[in-house]
mmCIF file of all heavy atoms, coordinates in Angstrom:
data_MODEL
# 
_entry.id   MODEL 
# 
loop_
_atom_site.group_PDB 
_atom_site.id 
_atom_site.type_symbol 
_atom_site.label_atom_id 
_atom_site.label_alt_id 
_atom_site.label_comp_id 
_atom_site.label_asym_id 
_atom_site.label_entity_id 
_atom_site.label_seq_id 
_atom_site.pdbx_PDB_ins_code 
_atom_site.Cartn_x 
_atom_site.Cartn_y 
_atom_site.Cartn_z 
_atom_site.occupancy 
_atom_site.B_iso_or_equiv 
_atom_site.pdbx_formal_charge 
_atom_site.auth_seq_id 
_atom_site.auth_comp_id 
_atom_site.auth_asym_id 
_atom_site.auth_atom_id 
_atom_site.pdbx_PDB_model_num 
ATOM 1   N N   . ASP A 1 1  ? 13.918  -12.201 -1.273 1.00 0.00 ? 1  ASP A N   1 
ATOM 2   C CA  . ASP A 1 1  ? 13.368  -11.003 -0.649 1.00 0.00 ? 1  ASP A CA  1 
ATOM 3   C C   . ASP A 1 1  ? 13.719  -9.783  -1.486 1.00 0.00 ? 1  ASP A C   1 
ATOM 4   O O   . ASP A 1 1  ? 14.828  -9.650  -1.981 1.00 0.00 ? 1  ASP A O   1 
ATOM 5   C CB  . ASP A 1 1  ? 13.948  -10.816 0.749  1.00 0.00 ? 1  ASP A CB  1 
ATOM 6   C CG  . ASP A 1 1  ? 13.670  -11.991 1.664  1.00 0.00 ? 1  ASP A CG  1 
ATOM 7   O OD1 . ASP A 1 1  ? 12.729  -12.739 1.380  1.00 0.00 ? 1  ASP A OD1 1 
ATOM 8   O OD2 . ASP A 1 1  ? 14.376  -12.144 2.668  1.00 0.00 ? 1  ASP A OD2 1 
ATOM 9   N N   . LEU A 1 2  ? 12.749  -8.864  -1.584 1.00 0.00 ? 2  LEU A N   1 
ATOM 10  C CA  . LEU A 1 2  ? 12.979  -7.596  -2.255 1.00 0.00 ? 2  LEU A CA  1 
ATOM 11  C C   . LEU A 1 2  ? 12.745  -6.463  -1.266 1.00 0.00 ? 2  LEU A C   1 
ATOM 12  O O   . LEU A 1 2  ? 11.767  -6.466  -0.529 1.00 0.00 ? 2  LEU A O   1 
ATOM 13  C CB  . LEU A 1 2  ? 12.024  -7.408  -3.436 1.00 0.00 ? 2  LEU A CB  1 
ATOM 14  C CG  . LEU A 1 2  ? 12.127  -8.370  -4.597 1.00 0.00 ? 2  LEU A CG  1 
ATOM 15  C CD1 . LEU A 1 2  ? 11.012  -8.084  -5.602 1.00 0.00 ? 2  LEU A CD1 1 
ATOM 16  C CD2 . LEU A 1 2  ? 13.480  -8.246  -5.278 1.00 0.00 ? 2  LEU A CD2 1 
ATOM 17  N N   . PHE A 1 3  ? 13.630  -5.501  -1.248 1.00 0.00 ? 3  PHE A N   1 
ATOM 18  C CA  . PHE A 1 3  ? 13.475  -4.296  -0.466 1.00 0.00 ? 3  PHE A CA  1 
ATOM 19  C C   . PHE A 1 3  ? 13.409  -3.122  -1.452 1.00 0.00 ? 3  PHE A C   1 
ATOM 20  O O   . PHE A 1 3  ? 14.379  -2.875  -2.166 1.00 0.00 ? 3  PHE A O   1 
ATOM 21  C CB  . PHE A 1 3  ? 14.624  -4.113  0.515  1.00 0.00 ? 3  PHE A CB  1 
ATOM 22  C CG  . PHE A 1 3  ? 14.630  -5.137  1.599  1.00 0.00 ? 3  PHE A CG  1 
ATOM 23  C CD1 . PHE A 1 3  ? 15.329  -6.320  1.452  1.00 0.00 ? 3  PHE A CD1 1 
ATOM 24  C CD2 . PHE A 1 3  ? 13.892  -4.957  2.761  1.00 0.00 ? 3  PHE A CD2 1 
ATOM 25  C CE1 . PHE A 1 3  ? 15.334  -7.289  2.437  1.00 0.00 ? 3  PHE A CE1 1 
ATOM 26  C CE2 . PHE A 1 3  ? 13.876  -5.923  3.766  1.00 0.00 ? 3  PHE A CE2 1 
ATOM 27  C CZ  . PHE A 1 3  ? 14.607  -7.091  3.592  1.00 0.00 ? 3  PHE A CZ  1 
ATOM 28  N N   . LEU A 1 4  ? 12.259  -2.468  -1.500 1.00 0.00 ? 4  LEU A N   1 
ATOM 29  C CA  . LEU A 1 4  ? 12.061  -1.383  -2.456 1.00 0.00 ? 4  LEU A CA  1 
ATOM 30  C C   . LEU A 1 4  ? 12.155  -0.038  -1.742 1.00 0.00 ? 4  LEU A C   1 
ATOM 31  O O   . LEU A 1 4  ? 11.506  0.179   -0.727 1.00 0.00 ? 4  LEU A O   1 
ATOM 32  C CB  . LEU A 1 4  ? 10.690  -1.550  -3.121 1.00 0.00 ? 4  LEU A CB  1 
ATOM 33  C CG  . LEU A 1 4  ? 10.404  -2.900  -3.759 1.00 0.00 ? 4  LEU A CG  1 
ATOM 34  C CD1 . LEU A 1 4  ? 8.964   -2.968  -4.252 1.00 0.00 ? 4  LEU A CD1 1 
ATOM 35  C CD2 . LEU A 1 4  ? 11.380  -3.174  -4.877 1.00 0.00 ? 4  LEU A CD2 1 
ATOM 36  N N   . GLU A 1 5  ? 12.959  0.842   -2.308 1.00 0.00 ? 5  GLU A N   1 
ATOM 37  C CA  . GLU A 1 5  ? 13.164  2.157   -1.706 1.00 0.00 ? 5  GLU A CA  1 
ATOM 38  C C   . GLU A 1 5  ? 12.950  3.306   -2.687 1.00 0.00 ? 5  GLU A C   1 
ATOM 39  O O   . GLU A 1 5  ? 12.888  4.453   -2.274 1.00 0.00 ? 5  GLU A O   1 
ATOM 40  C CB  . GLU A 1 5  ? 14.583  2.253   -1.138 1.00 0.00 ? 5  GLU A CB  1 
ATOM 41  C CG  . GLU A 1 5  ? 14.901  1.202   -0.112 1.00 0.00 ? 5  GLU A CG  1 
ATOM 42  C CD  . GLU A 1 5  ? 16.338  1.277   0.361  1.00 0.00 ? 5  GLU A CD  1 
ATOM 43  O OE1 . GLU A 1 5  ? 16.714  2.314   0.933  1.00 0.00 ? 5  GLU A OE1 1 
ATOM 44  O OE2 . GLU A 1 5  ? 17.078  0.304   0.148  1.00 0.00 ? 5  GLU A OE2 1 
ATOM 45  N N   . ALA A 1 6  ? 12.839  2.996   -3.972 1.00 0.00 ? 6  ALA A N   1 
ATOM 46  C CA  . ALA A 1 6  ? 12.657  4.043   -4.980 1.00 0.00 ? 6  ALA A CA  1 
ATOM 47  C C   . ALA A 1 6  ? 11.323  4.754   -4.756 1.00 0.00 ? 6  ALA A C   1 
ATOM 48  O O   . ALA A 1 6  ? 10.310  4.125   -4.422 1.00 0.00 ? 6  ALA A O   1 
ATOM 49  C CB  . ALA A 1 6  ? 12.714  3.447   -6.375 1.00 0.00 ? 6  ALA A CB  1 
ATOM 50  N N   . GLU A 1 7  ? 11.300  6.047   -4.947 1.00 0.00 ? 7  GLU A N   1 
ATOM 51  C CA  . GLU A 1 7  ? 10.101  6.852   -4.726 1.00 0.00 ? 7  GLU A CA  1 
ATOM 52  C C   . GLU A 1 7  ? 8.913   6.339   -5.537 1.00 0.00 ? 7  GLU A C   1 
ATOM 53  O O   . GLU A 1 7  ? 7.796   6.290   -5.036 1.00 0.00 ? 7  GLU A O   1 
ATOM 54  C CB  . GLU A 1 7  ? 10.374  8.316   -5.051 1.00 0.00 ? 7  GLU A CB  1 
ATOM 55  C CG  . GLU A 1 7  ? 9.288   9.254   -4.629 1.00 0.00 ? 7  GLU A CG  1 
ATOM 56  C CD  . GLU A 1 7  ? 9.024   9.249   -3.129 1.00 0.00 ? 7  GLU A CD  1 
ATOM 57  O OE1 . GLU A 1 7  ? 9.985   9.202   -2.340 1.00 0.00 ? 7  GLU A OE1 1 
ATOM 58  O OE2 . GLU A 1 7  ? 7.842   9.308   -2.738 1.00 0.00 ? 7  GLU A OE2 1 
ATOM 59  N N   . ALA A 1 8  ? 9.147   5.920   -6.767 1.00 0.00 ? 8  ALA A N   1 
ATOM 60  C CA  . ALA A 1 8  ? 8.059   5.421   -7.620 1.00 0.00 ? 8  ALA A CA  1 
ATOM 61  C C   . ALA A 1 8  ? 7.466   4.160   -7.011 1.00 0.00 ? 8  ALA A C   1 
ATOM 62  O O   . ALA A 1 8  ? 6.244   3.991   -6.982 1.00 0.00 ? 8  ALA A O   1 
ATOM 63  C CB  . ALA A 1 8  ? 8.568   5.163   -9.025 1.00 0.00 ? 8  ALA A CB  1 
ATOM 64  N N   . ASP A 1 9  ? 8.307   3.248   -6.523 1.00 0.00 ? 9  ASP A N   1 
ATOM 65  C CA  . ASP A 1 9  ? 7.816   2.016   -5.898 1.00 0.00 ? 9  ASP A CA  1 
ATOM 66  C C   . ASP A 1 9  ? 7.052   2.321   -4.629 1.00 0.00 ? 9  ASP A C   1 
ATOM 67  O O   . ASP A 1 9  ? 5.968   1.746   -4.382 1.00 0.00 ? 9  ASP A O   1 
ATOM 68  C CB  . ASP A 1 9  ? 8.991   1.072   -5.592 1.00 0.00 ? 9  ASP A CB  1 
ATOM 69  C CG  . ASP A 1 9  ? 9.664   0.529   -6.819 1.00 0.00 ? 9  ASP A CG  1 
ATOM 70  O OD1 . ASP A 1 9  ? 8.984   0.382   -7.869 1.00 0.00 ? 9  ASP A OD1 1 
ATOM 71  O OD2 . ASP A 1 9  ? 10.870  0.269   -6.754 1.00 0.00 ? 9  ASP A OD2 1 
ATOM 72  N N   . LEU A 1 10 ? 7.576   3.195   -3.808 1.00 0.00 ? 10 LEU A N   1 
ATOM 73  C CA  . LEU A 1 10 ? 6.902   3.553   -2.546 1.00 0.00 ? 10 LEU A CA  1 
ATOM 74  C C   . LEU A 1 10 ? 5.539   4.146   -2.825 1.00 0.00 ? 10 LEU A C   1 
ATOM 75  O O   . LEU A 1 10 ? 4.567   3.842   -2.131 1.00 0.00 ? 10 LEU A O   1 
ATOM 76  C CB  . LEU A 1 10 ? 7.757   4.521   -1.741 1.00 0.00 ? 10 LEU A CB  1 
ATOM 77  C CG  . LEU A 1 10 ? 9.086   3.969   -1.218 1.00 0.00 ? 10 LEU A CG  1 
ATOM 78  C CD1 . LEU A 1 10 ? 9.895   5.089   -0.569 1.00 0.00 ? 10 LEU A CD1 1 
ATOM 79  C CD2 . LEU A 1 10 ? 8.854   2.833   -0.246 1.00 0.00 ? 10 LEU A CD2 1 
ATOM 80  N N   . SER A 1 11 ? 5.465   4.970   -3.851 1.00 0.00 ? 11 SER A N   1 
ATOM 81  C CA  . SER A 1 11 ? 4.191   5.618   -4.196 1.00 0.00 ? 11 SER A CA  1 
ATOM 82  C C   . SER A 1 11 ? 3.171   4.578   -4.626 1.00 0.00 ? 11 SER A C   1 
ATOM 83  O O   . SER A 1 11 ? 2.004   4.641   -4.225 1.00 0.00 ? 11 SER A O   1 
ATOM 84  C CB  . SER A 1 11 ? 4.439   6.634   -5.310 1.00 0.00 ? 11 SER A CB  1 
ATOM 85  O OG  . SER A 1 11 ? 3.217   7.224   -5.691 1.00 0.00 ? 11 SER A OG  1 
ATOM 86  N N   . ILE A 1 12 ? 3.588   3.618   -5.439 1.00 0.00 ? 12 ILE A N   1 
ATOM 87  C CA  . ILE A 1 12 ? 2.668   2.564   -5.898 1.00 0.00 ? 12 ILE A CA  1 
ATOM 88  C C   . ILE A 1 12 ? 2.147   1.751   -4.716 1.00 0.00 ? 12 ILE A C   1 
ATOM 89  O O   . ILE A 1 12 ? 0.936   1.518   -4.601 1.00 0.00 ? 12 ILE A O   1 
ATOM 90  C CB  . ILE A 1 12 ? 3.380   1.629   -6.907 1.00 0.00 ? 12 ILE A CB  1 
ATOM 91  C CG1 . ILE A 1 12 ? 3.607   2.369   -8.232 1.00 0.00 ? 12 ILE A CG1 1 
ATOM 92  C CG2 . ILE A 1 12 ? 2.599   0.346   -7.124 1.00 0.00 ? 12 ILE A CG2 1 
ATOM 93  C CD1 . ILE A 1 12 ? 4.551   1.662   -9.184 1.00 0.00 ? 12 ILE A CD1 1 
ATOM 94  N N   . TYR A 1 13 ? 3.042   1.353   -3.820 1.00 0.00 ? 13 TYR A N   1 
ATOM 95  C CA  . TYR A 1 13 ? 2.614   0.516   -2.688 1.00 0.00 ? 13 TYR A CA  1 
ATOM 96  C C   . TYR A 1 13 ? 1.814   1.302   -1.662 1.00 0.00 ? 13 TYR A C   1 
ATOM 97  O O   . TYR A 1 13 ? 0.882   0.772   -1.056 1.00 0.00 ? 13 TYR A O   1 
ATOM 98  C CB  . TYR A 1 13 ? 3.816   -0.197  -2.068 1.00 0.00 ? 13 TYR A CB  1 
ATOM 99  C CG  . TYR A 1 13 ? 4.198   -1.430  -2.826 1.00 0.00 ? 13 TYR A CG  1 
ATOM 100 C CD1 . TYR A 1 13 ? 5.137   -1.400  -3.838 1.00 0.00 ? 13 TYR A CD1 1 
ATOM 101 C CD2 . TYR A 1 13 ? 3.586   -2.658  -2.553 1.00 0.00 ? 13 TYR A CD2 1 
ATOM 102 C CE1 . TYR A 1 13 ? 5.473   -2.546  -4.556 1.00 0.00 ? 13 TYR A CE1 1 
ATOM 103 C CE2 . TYR A 1 13 ? 3.902   -3.805  -3.257 1.00 0.00 ? 13 TYR A CE2 1 
ATOM 104 C CZ  . TYR A 1 13 ? 4.856   -3.732  -4.250 1.00 0.00 ? 13 TYR A CZ  1 
ATOM 105 O OH  . TYR A 1 13 ? 5.161   -4.857  -4.969 1.00 0.00 ? 13 TYR A OH  1 
ATOM 106 N N   . ALA A 1 14 ? 2.138   2.576   -1.466 1.00 0.00 ? 14 ALA A N   1 
ATOM 107 C CA  . ALA A 1 14 ? 1.349   3.410   -0.537 1.00 0.00 ? 14 ALA A CA  1 
ATOM 108 C C   . ALA A 1 14 ? -0.079  3.552   -1.067 1.00 0.00 ? 14 ALA A C   1 
ATOM 109 O O   . ALA A 1 14 ? -1.044  3.445   -0.306 1.00 0.00 ? 14 ALA A O   1 
ATOM 110 C CB  . ALA A 1 14 ? 1.997   4.767   -0.353 1.00 0.00 ? 14 ALA A CB  1 
ATOM 111 N N   . SER A 1 15 ? -0.203  3.779   -2.367 1.00 0.00 ? 15 SER A N   1 
ATOM 112 C CA  . SER A 1 15 ? -1.514  3.901   -2.981 1.00 0.00 ? 15 SER A CA  1 
ATOM 113 C C   . SER A 1 15 ? -2.285  2.579   -2.889 1.00 0.00 ? 15 SER A C   1 
ATOM 114 O O   . SER A 1 15 ? -3.488  2.562   -2.582 1.00 0.00 ? 15 SER A O   1 
ATOM 115 C CB  . SER A 1 15 ? -1.348  4.320   -4.447 1.00 0.00 ? 15 SER A CB  1 
ATOM 116 O OG  . SER A 1 15 ? -2.605  4.396   -5.074 1.00 0.00 ? 15 SER A OG  1 
ATOM 117 N N   . MET A 1 16 ? -1.590  1.465   -3.125 1.00 0.00 ? 16 MET A N   1 
ATOM 118 C CA  . MET A 1 16 ? -2.235  0.163   -3.021 1.00 0.00 ? 16 MET A CA  1 
ATOM 119 C C   . MET A 1 16 ? -2.711  -0.091  -1.601 1.00 0.00 ? 16 MET A C   1 
ATOM 120 O O   . MET A 1 16 ? -3.824  -0.574  -1.384 1.00 0.00 ? 16 MET A O   1 
ATOM 121 C CB  . MET A 1 16 ? -1.267  -0.954  -3.456 1.00 0.00 ? 16 MET A CB  1 
ATOM 122 C CG  . MET A 1 16 ? -1.923  -2.309  -3.467 1.00 0.00 ? 16 MET A CG  1 
ATOM 123 S SD  . MET A 1 16 ? -0.867  -3.741  -3.827 1.00 0.00 ? 16 MET A SD  1 
ATOM 124 C CE  . MET A 1 16 ? 0.415   -3.139  -4.842 1.00 0.00 ? 16 MET A CE  1 
ATOM 125 N N   . PHE A 1 17 ? -1.885  0.236   -0.614 1.00 0.00 ? 17 PHE A N   1 
ATOM 126 C CA  . PHE A 1 17 ? -2.265  0.019   0.777  1.00 0.00 ? 17 PHE A CA  1 
ATOM 127 C C   . PHE A 1 17 ? -3.502  0.855   1.133  1.00 0.00 ? 17 PHE A C   1 
ATOM 128 O O   . PHE A 1 17 ? -4.434  0.367   1.778  1.00 0.00 ? 17 PHE A O   1 
ATOM 129 C CB  . PHE A 1 17 ? -1.090  0.338   1.709  1.00 0.00 ? 17 PHE A CB  1 
ATOM 130 C CG  . PHE A 1 17 ? -1.336  -0.028  3.133  1.00 0.00 ? 17 PHE A CG  1 
ATOM 131 C CD1 . PHE A 1 17 ? -1.497  -1.353  3.505  1.00 0.00 ? 17 PHE A CD1 1 
ATOM 132 C CD2 . PHE A 1 17 ? -1.405  0.950   4.104  1.00 0.00 ? 17 PHE A CD2 1 
ATOM 133 C CE1 . PHE A 1 17 ? -1.748  -1.695  4.838  1.00 0.00 ? 17 PHE A CE1 1 
ATOM 134 C CE2 . PHE A 1 17 ? -1.637  0.609   5.432  1.00 0.00 ? 17 PHE A CE2 1 
ATOM 135 C CZ  . PHE A 1 17 ? -1.799  -0.707  5.794  1.00 0.00 ? 17 PHE A CZ  1 
ATOM 136 N N   . ASP A 1 18 ? -3.513  2.117   0.687  1.00 0.00 ? 18 ASP A N   1 
ATOM 137 C CA  . ASP A 1 18 ? -4.682  2.968   0.947  1.00 0.00 ? 18 ASP A CA  1 
ATOM 138 C C   . ASP A 1 18 ? -5.942  2.366   0.313  1.00 0.00 ? 18 ASP A C   1 
ATOM 139 O O   . ASP A 1 18 ? -7.014  2.375   0.915  1.00 0.00 ? 18 ASP A O   1 
ATOM 140 C CB  . ASP A 1 18 ? -4.455  4.377   0.394  1.00 0.00 ? 18 ASP A CB  1 
ATOM 141 C CG  . ASP A 1 18 ? -3.470  5.169   1.228  1.00 0.00 ? 18 ASP A CG  1 
ATOM 142 O OD1 . ASP A 1 18 ? -3.203  4.802   2.395  1.00 0.00 ? 18 ASP A OD1 1 
ATOM 143 O OD2 . ASP A 1 18 ? -2.948  6.174   0.705  1.00 0.00 ? 18 ASP A OD2 1 
ATOM 144 N N   . HIS A 1 19 ? -5.821  1.852   -0.908 1.00 0.00 ? 19 HIS A N   1 
ATOM 145 C CA  . HIS A 1 19 ? -6.954  1.238   -1.577 1.00 0.00 ? 19 HIS A CA  1 
ATOM 146 C C   . HIS A 1 19 ? -7.435  0.002   -0.803 1.00 0.00 ? 19 HIS A C   1 
ATOM 147 O O   . HIS A 1 19 ? -8.636  -0.186  -0.612 1.00 0.00 ? 19 HIS A O   1 
ATOM 148 C CB  . HIS A 1 19 ? -6.581  0.862   -3.024 1.00 0.00 ? 19 HIS A CB  1 
ATOM 149 C CG  . HIS A 1 19 ? -7.701  0.241   -3.788 1.00 0.00 ? 19 HIS A CG  1 
ATOM 150 N ND1 . HIS A 1 19 ? -8.726  0.978   -4.343 1.00 0.00 ? 19 HIS A ND1 1 
ATOM 151 C CD2 . HIS A 1 19 ? -7.973  -1.057  -4.099 1.00 0.00 ? 19 HIS A CD2 1 
ATOM 152 C CE1 . HIS A 1 19 ? -9.579  0.165   -4.938 1.00 0.00 ? 19 HIS A CE1 1 
ATOM 153 N NE2 . HIS A 1 19 ? -9.147  -1.072  -4.820 1.00 0.00 ? 19 HIS A NE2 1 
ATOM 154 N N   . LEU A 1 20 ? -6.510  -0.828  -0.369 1.00 0.00 ? 20 LEU A N   1 
ATOM 155 C CA  . LEU A 1 20 ? -6.883  -2.035  0.375  1.00 0.00 ? 20 LEU A CA  1 
ATOM 156 C C   . LEU A 1 20 ? -7.577  -1.677  1.695  1.00 0.00 ? 20 LEU A C   1 
ATOM 157 O O   . LEU A 1 20 ? -8.565  -2.322  2.061  1.00 0.00 ? 20 LEU A O   1 
ATOM 158 C CB  . LEU A 1 20 ? -5.657  -2.915  0.626  1.00 0.00 ? 20 LEU A CB  1 
ATOM 159 C CG  . LEU A 1 20 ? -4.985  -3.480  -0.632 1.00 0.00 ? 20 LEU A CG  1 
ATOM 160 C CD1 . LEU A 1 20 ? -3.674  -4.189  -0.264 1.00 0.00 ? 20 LEU A CD1 1 
ATOM 161 C CD2 . LEU A 1 20 ? -5.922  -4.385  -1.397 1.00 0.00 ? 20 LEU A CD2 1 
ATOM 162 N N   . ARG A 1 21 ? -7.056  -0.675  2.387  1.00 0.00 ? 21 ARG A N   1 
ATOM 163 C CA  . ARG A 1 21 ? -7.720  -0.251  3.642  1.00 0.00 ? 21 ARG A CA  1 
ATOM 164 C C   . ARG A 1 21 ? -9.143  0.216   3.377  1.00 0.00 ? 21 ARG A C   1 
ATOM 165 O O   . ARG A 1 21 ? -10.048 -0.027  4.187  1.00 0.00 ? 21 ARG A O   1 
ATOM 166 C CB  . ARG A 1 21 ? -6.946  0.895   4.298  1.00 0.00 ? 21 ARG A CB  1 
ATOM 167 C CG  . ARG A 1 21 ? -5.646  0.453   4.912  1.00 0.00 ? 21 ARG A CG  1 
ATOM 168 C CD  . ARG A 1 21 ? -5.033  1.520   5.757  1.00 0.00 ? 21 ARG A CD  1 
ATOM 169 N NE  . ARG A 1 21 ? -4.632  2.673   4.955  1.00 0.00 ? 21 ARG A NE  1 
ATOM 170 C CZ  . ARG A 1 21 ? -3.925  3.678   5.441  1.00 0.00 ? 21 ARG A CZ  1 
ATOM 171 N NH1 . ARG A 1 21 ? -3.565  3.701   6.704  1.00 0.00 ? 21 ARG A NH1 1 
ATOM 172 N NH2 . ARG A 1 21 ? -3.590  4.683   4.664  1.00 0.00 ? 21 ARG A NH2 1 
ATOM 173 N N   . ALA A 1 22 ? -9.353  0.881   2.235  1.00 0.00 ? 22 ALA A N   1 
ATOM 174 C CA  . ALA A 1 22 ? -10.659 1.437   1.921  1.00 0.00 ? 22 ALA A CA  1 
ATOM 175 C C   . ALA A 1 22 ? -11.678 0.341   1.594  1.00 0.00 ? 22 ALA A C   1 
ATOM 176 O O   . ALA A 1 22 ? -12.863 0.487   1.904  1.00 0.00 ? 22 ALA A O   1 
ATOM 177 C CB  . ALA A 1 22 ? -10.559 2.425   0.754  1.00 0.00 ? 22 ALA A CB  1 
ATOM 178 N N   . ILE A 1 23 ? -11.258 -0.751  0.950  1.00 0.00 ? 23 ILE A N   1 
ATOM 179 C CA  . ILE A 1 23 ? -12.222 -1.782  0.541  1.00 0.00 ? 23 ILE A CA  1 
ATOM 180 C C   . ILE A 1 23 ? -12.406 -2.872  1.599  1.00 0.00 ? 23 ILE A C   1 
ATOM 181 O O   . ILE A 1 23 ? -13.329 -3.661  1.519  1.00 0.00 ? 23 ILE A O   1 
ATOM 182 C CB  . ILE A 1 23 ? -11.837 -2.409  -0.806 1.00 0.00 ? 23 ILE A CB  1 
ATOM 183 C CG1 . ILE A 1 23 ? -10.540 -3.195  -0.733 1.00 0.00 ? 23 ILE A CG1 1 
ATOM 184 C CG2 . ILE A 1 23 ? -11.818 -1.355  -1.904 1.00 0.00 ? 23 ILE A CG2 1 
ATOM 185 C CD1 . ILE A 1 23 ? -10.233 -4.042  -1.961 1.00 0.00 ? 23 ILE A CD1 1 
ATOM 186 N N   . ALA A 1 24 ? -11.510 -2.899  2.592  1.00 0.00 ? 24 ALA A N   1 
ATOM 187 C CA  . ALA A 1 24 ? -11.578 -3.937  3.628  1.00 0.00 ? 24 ALA A CA  1 
ATOM 188 C C   . ALA A 1 24 ? -12.681 -3.590  4.636  1.00 0.00 ? 24 ALA A C   1 
ATOM 189 O O   . ALA A 1 24 ? -13.089 -2.433  4.779  1.00 0.00 ? 24 ALA A O   1 
ATOM 190 C CB  . ALA A 1 24 ? -10.242 -4.050  4.335  1.00 0.00 ? 24 ALA A CB  1 
ATOM 191 N N   . LEU A 1 25 ? -13.129 -4.616  5.345  1.00 0.00 ? 25 LEU A N   1 
ATOM 192 C CA  . LEU A 1 25 ? -14.071 -4.395  6.451  1.00 0.00 ? 25 LEU A CA  1 
ATOM 193 C C   . LEU A 1 25 ? -13.434 -3.495  7.498  1.00 0.00 ? 25 LEU A C   1 
ATOM 194 O O   . LEU A 1 25 ? -12.214 -3.495  7.678  1.00 0.00 ? 25 LEU A O   1 
ATOM 195 C CB  . LEU A 1 25 ? -14.438 -5.727  7.107  1.00 0.00 ? 25 LEU A CB  1 
ATOM 196 C CG  . LEU A 1 25 ? -15.218 -6.730  6.293  1.00 0.00 ? 25 LEU A CG  1 
ATOM 197 C CD1 . LEU A 1 25 ? -15.407 -8.021  7.097  1.00 0.00 ? 25 LEU A CD1 1 
ATOM 198 C CD2 . LEU A 1 25 ? -16.562 -6.182  5.848  1.00 0.00 ? 25 LEU A CD2 1 
ATOM 199 N N   . SER A 1 26 ? -14.259 -2.778  8.223  1.00 0.00 ? 26 SER A N   1 
ATOM 200 C CA  . SER A 1 26 ? -13.753 -1.998  9.350  1.00 0.00 ? 26 SER A CA  1 
ATOM 201 C C   . SER A 1 26 ? -13.163 -2.952  10.390 1.00 0.00 ? 26 SER A C   1 
ATOM 202 O O   . SER A 1 26 ? -13.493 -4.139  10.398 1.00 0.00 ? 26 SER A O   1 
ATOM 203 C CB  . SER A 1 26 ? -14.889 -1.202  9.985  1.00 0.00 ? 26 SER A CB  1 
ATOM 204 O OG  . SER A 1 26 ? -15.787 -2.093  10.641 1.00 0.00 ? 26 SER A OG  1 
ATOM 205 N N   . PRO A 1 27 ? -12.326 -2.449  11.277 1.00 0.00 ? 27 PRO A N   1 
ATOM 206 C CA  . PRO A 1 27 ? -11.801 -3.326  12.338 1.00 0.00 ? 27 PRO A CA  1 
ATOM 207 C C   . PRO A 1 27 ? -12.900 -4.000  13.160 1.00 0.00 ? 27 PRO A C   1 
ATOM 208 O O   . PRO A 1 27 ? -12.799 -5.174  13.490 1.00 0.00 ? 27 PRO A O   1 
ATOM 209 C CB  . PRO A 1 27 ? -10.949 -2.386  13.198 1.00 0.00 ? 27 PRO A CB  1 
ATOM 210 C CG  . PRO A 1 27 ? -10.456 -1.377  12.193 1.00 0.00 ? 27 PRO A CG  1 
ATOM 211 C CD  . PRO A 1 27 ? -11.639 -1.153  11.276 1.00 0.00 ? 27 PRO A CD  1 
ATOM 212 N N   . ALA A 1 28 ? -13.978 -3.286  13.457 1.00 0.00 ? 28 ALA A N   1 
ATOM 213 C CA  . ALA A 1 28 ? -15.069 -3.875  14.232 1.00 0.00 ? 28 ALA A CA  1 
ATOM 214 C C   . ALA A 1 28 ? -15.769 -4.985  13.457 1.00 0.00 ? 28 ALA A C   1 
ATOM 215 O O   . ALA A 1 28 ? -16.047 -6.066  13.997 1.00 0.00 ? 28 ALA A O   1 
ATOM 216 C CB  . ALA A 1 28 ? -16.075 -2.801  14.645 1.00 0.00 ? 28 ALA A CB  1 
# 
């Protein structure tokens, strides 16, 4: 298990999550 807390890591994963939400189907 990895727990990432560095600001650079958080920024990368937050951006990735936003991208994934944008390309995924809507909840409906």
